[in-house]
C-alpha cells in the first residue's frame, strides 16, 4: 500500500506501530443469491471484529 506520514504525525504513527494486531474477523454471508449482482448490504455480517481505541491526529496543512 501507499502511506503518507507527515512530521506532525510521528507520535501517532509510533503508537499505531506499537499495537499488537487482533485476530482477523470472520465474514459471514447470510444469503447466497443466484447472481453476484443480487447481493444486498444485509447479506453480509462481520463477526468477532475487534479494534483498538482511536488515535487522533491534527490535519496536516
PDB file of N, CA and C in Angstrom:
ATOM      1  N   UNK A   1       0.816  -1.184   0.000  1.00  0.00           N
ATOM      2  CA  UNK A   1       0.000   0.000   0.000  1.00  0.00           C
ATOM      3  C   UNK A   1       0.858   1.246   0.000  1.00  0.00           C
ATOM      4  N   UNK A   2       0.199   2.356  -0.043  1.00  0.00           N
ATOM      5  CA  UNK A   2       0.843   3.660  -0.060  1.00  0.00           C
ATOM      6  C   UNK A   2       0.609   4.328   1.288  1.00  0.00           C
ATOM      7  N   UNK A   3       1.584   5.059   1.754  1.00  0.00           N
ATOM      8  CA  UNK A   3       1.461   5.694   3.059  1.00  0.00           C
ATOM      9  C   UNK A   3       2.102   7.075   3.015  1.00  0.00           C
ATOM     10  N   UNK A   4       1.412   8.058   3.541  1.00  0.00           N
ATOM     11  CA  UNK A   4       1.952   9.414   3.666  1.00  0.00           C
ATOM     12  C   UNK A   4       1.999   9.732   5.156  1.00  0.00           C
ATOM     13  N   UNK A   5       3.188   9.985   5.664  1.00  0.00           N
ATOM     14  CA  UNK A   5       3.351  10.316   7.075  1.00  0.00           C
ATOM     15  C   UNK A   5       3.909  11.730   7.153  1.00  0.00           C
ATOM     16  N   UNK A   6       3.177  12.595   7.824  1.00  0.00           N
ATOM     17  CA  UNK A   6       3.600  13.974   7.972  1.00  0.00           C
ATOM     18  C   UNK A   6       4.357  14.141   9.282  1.00  0.00           C
ATOM     19  N   UNK A   7       5.215  15.135   9.345  1.00  0.00           N
ATOM     20  CA  UNK A   7       6.082  15.315  10.514  1.00  0.00           C
ATOM     21  C   UNK A   7       5.295  15.540  11.804  1.00  0.00           C
ATOM     22  N   UNK A   8       4.080  16.075  11.707  1.00  0.00           N
ATOM     23  CA  UNK A   8       3.298  16.285  12.928  1.00  0.00           C
ATOM     24  C   UNK A   8       2.482  15.049  13.311  1.00  0.00           C
ATOM     25  N   UNK A   9       2.744  13.916  12.669  1.00  0.00           N
ATOM     26  CA  UNK A   9       2.029  12.669  12.974  1.00  0.00           C
ATOM     27  C   UNK A   9       2.956  11.566  13.501  1.00  0.00           C
ATOM     28  N   UNK A  10       4.205  11.881  13.743  1.00  0.00           N
ATOM     29  CA  UNK A  10       5.162  10.852  14.163  1.00  0.00           C
ATOM     30  C   UNK A  10       4.723  10.125  15.436  1.00  0.00           C
ATOM     31  N   UNK A  11       4.231  10.853  16.423  1.00  0.00           N
ATOM     32  CA  UNK A  11       3.814  10.214  17.682  1.00  0.00           C
ATOM     33  C   UNK A  11       2.660   9.241  17.457  1.00  0.00           C
ATOM     34  N   UNK A  12       1.712   9.625  16.618  1.00  0.00           N
ATOM     35  CA  UNK A  12       0.567   8.764  16.342  1.00  0.00           C
ATOM     36  C   UNK A  12       0.992   7.518  15.561  1.00  0.00           C
ATOM     37  N   UNK A  13       1.938   7.670  14.652  1.00  0.00           N
ATOM     38  CA  UNK A  13       2.443   6.522  13.891  1.00  0.00           C
ATOM     39  C   UNK A  13       3.144   5.548  14.830  1.00  0.00           C
ATOM     40  N   UNK A  14       3.948   6.057  15.748  1.00  0.00           N
ATOM     41  CA  UNK A  14       4.633   5.188  16.704  1.00  0.00           C
ATOM     42  C   UNK A  14       3.629   4.436  17.575  1.00  0.00           C
ATOM     43  N   UNK A  15       2.557   5.112  17.971  1.00  0.00           N
ATOM     44  CA  UNK A  15       1.530   4.444  18.770  1.00  0.00           C
ATOM     45  C   UNK A  15       0.871   3.325  17.967  1.00  0.00           C
ATOM     46  N   UNK A  16       0.542   3.603  16.713  1.00  0.00           N
ATOM     47  CA  UNK A  16      -0.085   2.583  15.858  1.00  0.00           C
ATOM     48  C   UNK A  16       0.838   1.376  15.681  1.00  0.00           C
ATOM     49  N   UNK A  17       2.110   1.631  15.430  1.00  0.00           N
ATOM     50  CA  UNK A  17       3.064   0.540  15.206  1.00  0.00           C
ATOM     51  C   UNK A  17       3.337  -0.273  16.474  1.00  0.00           C
ATOM     52  N   UNK A  18       3.098   0.304  17.638  1.00  0.00           N
ATOM     53  CA  UNK A  18       3.359  -0.412  18.894  1.00  0.00           C
ATOM     54  C   UNK A  18       2.216  -1.359  19.278  1.00  0.00           C
ATOM     55  N   UNK A  19       1.097  -1.256  18.602  1.00  0.00           N
ATOM     56  CA  UNK A  19      -0.077  -2.068  18.954  1.00  0.00           C
ATOM     57  C   UNK A  19       0.024  -3.482  18.396  1.00  0.00           C
ATOM     58  N   UNK A  20      -0.426  -4.427  19.196  1.00  0.00           N
ATOM     59  CA  UNK A  20      -0.483  -5.822  18.758  1.00  0.00           C
ATOM     60  C   UNK A  20      -1.766  -6.026  17.956  1.00  0.00           C
ATOM     61  N   UNK A  21      -1.661  -6.551  16.745  1.00  0.00           N
ATOM     62  CA  UNK A  21      -2.873  -6.748  15.938  1.00  0.00           C
ATOM     63  C   UNK A  21      -3.809  -7.778  16.567  1.00  0.00           C
ATOM     64  N   UNK A  22      -5.093  -7.577  16.370  1.00  0.00           N
ATOM     65  CA  UNK A  22      -6.102  -8.542  16.801  1.00  0.00           C
ATOM     66  C   UNK A  22      -6.262  -9.611  15.723  1.00  0.00           C
ATOM     67  N   UNK A  23      -6.835 -10.759  16.078  1.00  0.00           N
ATOM     68  CA  UNK A  23      -7.118 -11.775  15.051  1.00  0.00           C
ATOM     69  C   UNK A  23      -8.088 -11.212  14.008  1.00  0.00           C
ATOM     70  N   UNK A  24      -8.010 -11.755  12.803  1.00  0.00           N
ATOM     71  CA  UNK A  24      -8.911 -11.309  11.739  1.00  0.00           C
ATOM     72  C   UNK A  24     -10.359 -11.627  12.088  1.00  0.00           C
ATOM     73  N   UNK A  25     -11.280 -10.750  11.708  1.00  0.00           N
ATOM     74  CA  UNK A  25     -12.700 -11.068  11.880  1.00  0.00           C
ATOM     75  C   UNK A  25     -13.142 -12.078  10.824  1.00  0.00           C
ATOM     76  N   UNK A  26     -14.366 -12.556  10.960  1.00  0.00           N
ATOM     77  CA  UNK A  26     -14.942 -13.504  10.003  1.00  0.00           C
ATOM     78  C   UNK A  26     -16.055 -12.809   9.237  1.00  0.00           C
ATOM     79  N   UNK A  27     -16.093 -13.020   7.931  1.00  0.00           N
ATOM     80  CA  UNK A  27     -17.184 -12.506   7.112  1.00  0.00           C
ATOM     81  C   UNK A  27     -18.190 -13.626   6.917  1.00  0.00           C
ATOM     82  N   UNK A  28     -19.401 -13.407   7.401  1.00  0.00           N
ATOM     83  CA  UNK A  28     -20.477 -14.389   7.274  1.00  0.00           C
ATOM     84  C   UNK A  28     -21.422 -13.918   6.179  1.00  0.00           C
ATOM     85  N   UNK A  29     -21.660 -14.779   5.194  1.00  0.00           N
ATOM     86  CA  UNK A  29     -22.595 -14.472   4.117  1.00  0.00           C
ATOM     87  C   UNK A  29     -23.911 -15.153   4.459  1.00  0.00           C
ATOM     88  N   UNK A  30     -24.931 -14.358   4.746  1.00  0.00           N
ATOM     89  CA  UNK A  30     -26.210 -14.874   5.224  1.00  0.00           C
ATOM     90  C   UNK A  30     -27.061 -15.486   4.119  1.00  0.00           C
ATOM     91  N   UNK A  31     -26.919 -14.981   2.923  1.00  0.00           N
ATOM     92  CA  UNK A  31     -27.775 -15.426   1.818  1.00  0.00           C
ATOM     93  C   UNK A  31     -26.910 -15.498   0.570  1.00  0.00           C
ATOM     94  N   UNK A  32     -27.129 -16.503  -0.254  1.00  0.00           N
ATOM     95  CA  UNK A  32     -26.356 -16.654  -1.486  1.00  0.00           C
ATOM     96  C   UNK A  32     -27.306 -16.626  -2.681  1.00  0.00           C
ATOM     97  N   UNK A  33     -27.497 -15.438  -3.245  1.00  0.00           N
ATOM     98  CA  UNK A  33     -28.399 -15.332  -4.392  1.00  0.00           C
ATOM     99  C   UNK A  33     -27.811 -15.994  -5.635  1.00  0.00           C
ATOM    100  N   UNK A  34     -28.643 -16.179  -6.631  1.00  0.00           N
ATOM    101  CA  UNK A  34     -28.225 -16.835  -7.876  1.00  0.00           C
ATOM    102  C   UNK A  34     -27.184 -16.010  -8.629  1.00  0.00           C
ATOM    103  N   UNK A  35     -27.259 -14.697  -8.529  1.00  0.00           N
ATOM    104  CA  UNK A  35     -26.335 -13.822  -9.250  1.00  0.00           C
ATOM    105  C   UNK A  35     -25.564 -12.950  -8.264  1.00  0.00           C
ATOM    106  N   UNK A  36     -24.313 -12.689  -8.565  1.00  0.00           N
ATOM    107  CA  UNK A  36     -23.494 -11.806  -7.726  1.00  0.00           C
ATOM    108  C   UNK A  36     -24.084 -10.400  -7.668  1.00  0.00           C
ATOM    109  N   UNK A  37     -24.831 -10.020  -8.679  1.00  0.00           N
ATOM    110  CA  UNK A  37     -25.421  -8.688  -8.745  1.00  0.00           C
ATOM    111  C   UNK A  37     -26.661  -8.543  -7.856  1.00  0.00           C
ATOM    112  N   UNK A  38     -27.128  -9.635  -7.275  1.00  0.00           N
ATOM    113  CA  UNK A  38     -28.314  -9.604  -6.420  1.00  0.00           C
ATOM    114  C   UNK A  38     -27.987  -9.500  -4.931  1.00  0.00           C
ATOM    115  N   UNK A  39     -26.704  -9.442  -4.594  1.00  0.00           N
ATOM    116  CA  UNK A  39     -26.346  -9.281  -3.185  1.00  0.00           C
ATOM    117  C   UNK A  39     -26.793  -7.918  -2.677  1.00  0.00           C
ATOM    118  N   UNK A  40     -27.135  -7.876  -1.386  1.00  0.00           N
ATOM    119  CA  UNK A  40     -27.509  -6.638  -0.722  1.00  0.00           C
ATOM    120  C   UNK A  40     -26.659  -6.482   0.532  1.00  0.00           C
ATOM    121  N   UNK A  41     -26.590  -5.279   1.030  1.00  0.00           N
ATOM    122  CA  UNK A  41     -25.798  -4.971   2.222  1.00  0.00           C
ATOM    123  C   UNK A  41     -26.127  -5.915   3.377  1.00  0.00           C
ATOM    124  N   UNK A  42     -27.390  -6.200   3.558  1.00  0.00           N
ATOM    125  CA  UNK A  42     -27.851  -7.032   4.671  1.00  0.00           C
ATOM    126  C   UNK A  42     -27.421  -8.495   4.548  1.00  0.00           C
ATOM    127  N   UNK A  43     -26.900  -8.894   3.405  1.00  0.00           N
ATOM    128  CA  UNK A  43     -26.468 -10.275   3.195  1.00  0.00           C
ATOM    129  C   UNK A  43     -25.135 -10.585   3.871  1.00  0.00           C
ATOM    130  N   UNK A  44     -24.451  -9.564   4.365  1.00  0.00           N
ATOM    131  CA  UNK A  44     -23.121  -9.739   4.933  1.00  0.00           C
ATOM    132  C   UNK A  44     -23.103  -9.345   6.404  1.00  0.00           C
ATOM    133  N   UNK A  45     -22.328 -10.114   7.173  1.00  0.00           N
ATOM    134  CA  UNK A  45     -22.177  -9.832   8.597  1.00  0.00           C
ATOM    135  C   UNK A  45     -20.717 -10.068   8.984  1.00  0.00           C
ATOM    136  N   UNK A  46     -20.118  -9.099   9.662  1.00  0.00           N
ATOM    137  CA  UNK A  46     -18.741  -9.224  10.143  1.00  0.00           C
ATOM    138  C   UNK A  46     -18.803  -9.674  11.599  1.00  0.00           C
ATOM    139  N   UNK A  47     -18.164 -10.803  11.886  1.00  0.00           N
ATOM    140  CA  UNK A  47     -18.194 -11.389  13.230  1.00  0.00           C
ATOM    141  C   UNK A  47     -16.835 -11.261  13.911  1.00  0.00           C
ATOM    142  N   UNK A  48     -16.869 -11.056  15.203  1.00  0.00           N
ATOM    143  CA  UNK A  48     -15.662 -11.023  16.046  1.00  0.00           C
ATOM    144  C   UNK A  48     -14.679  -9.930  15.652  1.00  0.00           C
ATOM    145  N   UNK A  49     -15.191  -8.780  15.206  1.00  0.00           N
ATOM    146  CA  UNK A  49     -14.329  -7.642  14.868  1.00  0.00           C
ATOM    147  C   UNK A  49     -13.911  -6.938  16.150  1.00  0.00           C
ATOM    148  N   UNK A  50     -12.623  -6.723  16.315  1.00  0.00           N
ATOM    149  CA  UNK A  50     -12.083  -6.008  17.470  1.00  0.00           C
ATOM    150  C   UNK A  50     -11.231  -4.854  16.966  1.00  0.00           C
ATOM    151  N   UNK A  51     -11.174  -3.785  17.746  1.00  0.00           N
ATOM    152  CA  UNK A  51     -10.348  -2.646  17.348  1.00  0.00           C
ATOM    153  C   UNK A  51      -9.757  -1.976  18.580  1.00  0.00           C
ATOM    154  N   UNK A  52      -8.657  -1.317  18.353  1.00  0.00           N
ATOM    155  CA  UNK A  52      -8.018  -0.528  19.400  1.00  0.00           C
ATOM    156  C   UNK A  52      -8.712   0.835  19.485  1.00  0.00           C
ATOM    157  N   UNK A  53      -8.456   1.582  20.547  1.00  0.00           N
ATOM    158  CA  UNK A  53      -9.018   2.937  20.637  1.00  0.00           C
ATOM    159  C   UNK A  53      -8.518   3.819  19.486  1.00  0.00           C
ATOM    160  N   UNK A  54      -9.302   4.824  19.178  1.00  0.00           N
ATOM    161  CA  UNK A  54      -8.963   5.740  18.089  1.00  0.00           C
ATOM    162  C   UNK A  54      -7.673   6.497  18.418  1.00  0.00           C
ATOM    163  N   UNK A  55      -6.917   6.818  17.377  1.00  0.00           N
ATOM    164  CA  UNK A  55      -5.729   7.662  17.511  1.00  0.00           C
ATOM    165  C   UNK A  55      -6.046   8.964  16.783  1.00  0.00           C
ATOM    166  N   UNK A  56      -6.078  10.051  17.518  1.00  0.00           N
ATOM    167  CA  UNK A  56      -6.387  11.344  16.903  1.00  0.00           C
ATOM    168  C   UNK A  56      -5.093  12.025  16.470  1.00  0.00           C
ATOM    169  N   UNK A  57      -5.172  12.703  15.328  1.00  0.00           N
ATOM    170  CA  UNK A  57      -4.022  13.436  14.809  1.00  0.00           C
ATOM    171  C   UNK A  57      -4.528  14.716  14.159  1.00  0.00           C
ATOM    172  N   UNK A  58      -3.753  15.786  14.256  1.00  0.00           N
ATOM    173  CA  UNK A  58      -4.170  17.028  13.611  1.00  0.00           C
ATOM    174  C   UNK A  58      -4.120  16.884  12.089  1.00  0.00           C
ATOM    175  N   UNK A  59      -4.950  17.649  11.420  1.00  0.00           N
ATOM    176  CA  UNK A  59      -4.936  17.643   9.957  1.00  0.00           C
ATOM    177  C   UNK A  59      -3.659  18.339   9.502  1.00  0.00           C
ATOM    178  N   UNK A  60      -2.939  17.700   8.593  1.00  0.00           N
ATOM    179  CA  UNK A  60      -1.709  18.293   8.066  1.00  0.00           C
ATOM    180  C   UNK A  60      -2.068  19.302   6.982  1.00  0.00           C
ATOM    181  N   UNK A  61      -1.555  20.512   7.126  1.00  0.00           N
ATOM    182  CA  UNK A  61      -1.849  21.565   6.140  1.00  0.00           C
ATOM    183  C   UNK A  61      -0.581  21.949   5.422  1.00  0.00           C
TER     184      UNK A  61
END
